[in-house]
Amino acid sequence: MLFDFDAALRRMPRTFDSHDFIRVWSRDNQKPYIKFLSEQTGEKPFMSAHSKIARELNQYSKQVRQAGKVTSADIFGEQARCMSWQKLH
């Protein structure tokens, strides 16, 4: 796994979306987040990084499960589709 999401997952409500998670995780892990962003190539490094973070979150299948796509505000305040998640415990 690329990152340790355990602490951020403990802070999340029972149901949340990828945008919510990225805000919490990136706030608590600013240096790794900035480093990860800087490693992205292409015209949309935020989109690339956030997609990878969401895919990584899917590896925490003992803690969360996908609950379908939703529309919510991304870090730029724009409405975008992303995955919603439900905690299992």
Foldseek 3Di string as FASTA:
>chain_A
DLDDLVVLLVVDPQKFWLQVSCVSVCVVVVVVLVVQLVPDDDDCSVVVSSVVVLVVVCVVVQFKDWDDKDWDQHPVGDTDITTMIGTPD
